[in-house]
Amino acid sequence: MNATELRSKSVGELRLELQNLLREKFNLSMQRGIGQLSRPDQMSKVRKDIARVYTVINEKIRAGDAS
């Protein structure tokens, strides 16, 4: 997922995407906690995607596109 894909979405869609990413991060952290995380690099990818979504949401809100 890159920033240009995210910028084409509305704030509502971005918040839904954010909710899904936070759920995925929680699931990955639970897997890590019990030692079943098969791909440790997924955790950092999800965290970076979450940061991207937050950034684009803030950009849209500051630009007045908070619809």
C-alpha atoms as a PDB file:
ATOM      1  CA  MET A   1       0.000   0.000   0.000  1.00  0.00           C
ATOM      2  CA  ASN A   2       1.440   3.356  -0.988  1.00  0.00           C
ATOM      3  CA  ALA A   3       0.458   6.929  -0.262  1.00  0.00           C
ATOM      4  CA  THR A   4      -0.935   7.637  -3.734  1.00  0.00           C
ATOM      5  CA  GLU A   5      -3.441   4.791  -3.345  1.00  0.00           C
ATOM      6  CA  LEU A   6      -4.439   6.151   0.046  1.00  0.00           C
ATOM      7  CA  ARG A   7      -4.860   9.728  -1.191  1.00  0.00           C
ATOM      8  CA  SER A   8      -7.470   8.584  -3.688  1.00  0.00           C
ATOM      9  CA  LYS A   9      -9.700   7.257  -0.877  1.00  0.00           C
ATOM     10  CA  SER A  10     -12.117   9.253   1.254  1.00  0.00           C
ATOM     11  CA  VAL A  11     -11.583   9.858   4.960  1.00  0.00           C
ATOM     12  CA  GLY A  12     -14.272   7.296   5.806  1.00  0.00           C
ATOM     13  CA  GLU A  13     -12.550   4.649   3.715  1.00  0.00           C
ATOM     14  CA  LEU A  14      -9.231   5.542   5.298  1.00  0.00           C
ATOM     15  CA  ARG A  15     -10.663   5.129   8.780  1.00  0.00           C
ATOM     16  CA  LEU A  16     -12.012   1.725   7.811  1.00  0.00           C
ATOM     17  CA  GLU A  17      -8.579   0.792   6.442  1.00  0.00           C
ATOM     18  CA  LEU A  18      -7.010   2.034   9.671  1.00  0.00           C
ATOM     19  CA  GLN A  19      -9.369  -0.101  11.736  1.00  0.00           C
ATOM     20  CA  ASN A  20      -8.417  -3.177   9.698  1.00  0.00           C
ATOM     21  CA  LEU A  21      -4.703  -2.442  10.058  1.00  0.00           C
ATOM     22  CA  LEU A  22      -4.988  -1.968  13.819  1.00  0.00           C
ATOM     23  CA  ARG A  23      -6.817  -5.288  14.073  1.00  0.00           C
ATOM     24  CA  GLU A  24      -4.078  -6.948  12.018  1.00  0.00           C
ATOM     25  CA  LYS A  25      -1.390  -5.406  14.228  1.00  0.00           C
ATOM     26  CA  PHE A  26      -3.159  -6.768  17.304  1.00  0.00           C
ATOM     27  CA  ASN A  27      -3.360 -10.248  15.781  1.00  0.00           C
ATOM     28  CA  LEU A  28       0.318 -10.164  14.857  1.00  0.00           C
ATOM     29  CA  SER A  29       1.308  -9.077  18.348  1.00  0.00           C
ATOM     30  CA  MET A  30      -0.717 -11.945  19.823  1.00  0.00           C
ATOM     31  CA  GLN A  31       1.009 -14.392  17.495  1.00  0.00           C
ATOM     32  CA  ARG A  32       4.387 -12.971  18.474  1.00  0.00           C
ATOM     33  CA  GLY A  33       3.496 -13.306  22.134  1.00  0.00           C
ATOM     34  CA  ILE A  34       2.783 -17.010  21.881  1.00  0.00           C
ATOM     35  CA  GLY A  35       5.677 -17.672  19.507  1.00  0.00           C
ATOM     36  CA  GLN A  36       3.697 -18.442  16.348  1.00  0.00           C
ATOM     37  CA  LEU A  37       4.654 -15.423  14.250  1.00  0.00           C
ATOM     38  CA  SER A  38       5.985 -16.924  11.032  1.00  0.00           C
ATOM     39  CA  ARG A  39       7.035 -13.640   9.372  1.00  0.00           C
ATOM     40  CA  PRO A  40       8.410 -11.083  11.850  1.00  0.00           C
ATOM     41  CA  ASP A  41       8.809  -8.471   9.100  1.00  0.00           C
ATOM     42  CA  GLN A  42       5.011  -8.218   8.812  1.00  0.00           C
ATOM     43  CA  MET A  43       4.847  -6.331  12.104  1.00  0.00           C
ATOM     44  CA  SER A  44       6.979  -3.454  10.838  1.00  0.00           C
ATOM     45  CA  LYS A  45       5.119  -3.329   7.508  1.00  0.00           C
ATOM     46  CA  VAL A  46       1.776  -3.028   9.288  1.00  0.00           C
ATOM     47  CA  ARG A  47       3.115  -0.306  11.604  1.00  0.00           C
ATOM     48  CA  LYS A  48       4.376   1.684   8.618  1.00  0.00           C
ATOM     49  CA  ASP A  49       1.050   1.273   6.825  1.00  0.00           C
ATOM     50  CA  ILE A  50      -0.751   2.548   9.935  1.00  0.00           C
ATOM     51  CA  ALA A  51       1.518   5.597   9.987  1.00  0.00           C
ATOM     52  CA  ARG A  52       0.814   6.225   6.289  1.00  0.00           C
ATOM     53  CA  VAL A  53      -2.925   6.096   6.845  1.00  0.00           C
ATOM     54  CA  TYR A  54      -2.715   8.487   9.802  1.00  0.00           C
ATOM     55  CA  THR A  55      -0.600  10.874   7.708  1.00  0.00           C
ATOM     56  CA  VAL A  56      -3.024  10.917   4.779  1.00  0.00           C
ATOM     57  CA  ILE A  57      -6.017  11.365   7.104  1.00  0.00           C
ATOM     58  CA  ASN A  58      -4.324  14.368   8.716  1.00  0.00           C
ATOM     59  CA  GLU A  59      -3.447  15.806   5.298  1.00  0.00           C
ATOM     60  CA  LYS A  60      -7.059  15.527   4.175  1.00  0.00           C
ATOM     61  CA  ILE A  61      -8.406  17.064   7.384  1.00  0.00           C
ATOM     62  CA  ARG A  62      -6.007  20.016   7.160  1.00  0.00           C
ATOM     63  CA  ALA A  63      -6.901  20.537   3.498  1.00  0.00           C
ATOM     64  CA  GLY A  64     -10.595  20.583   4.361  1.00  0.00           C
ATOM     65  CA  ASP A  65     -11.468  17.325   2.614  1.00  0.00           C
ATOM     66  CA  ALA A  66     -12.824  15.665   5.763  1.00  0.00           C
ATOM     67  CA  SER A  67     -15.883  14.157   4.117  1.00  0.00           C
END
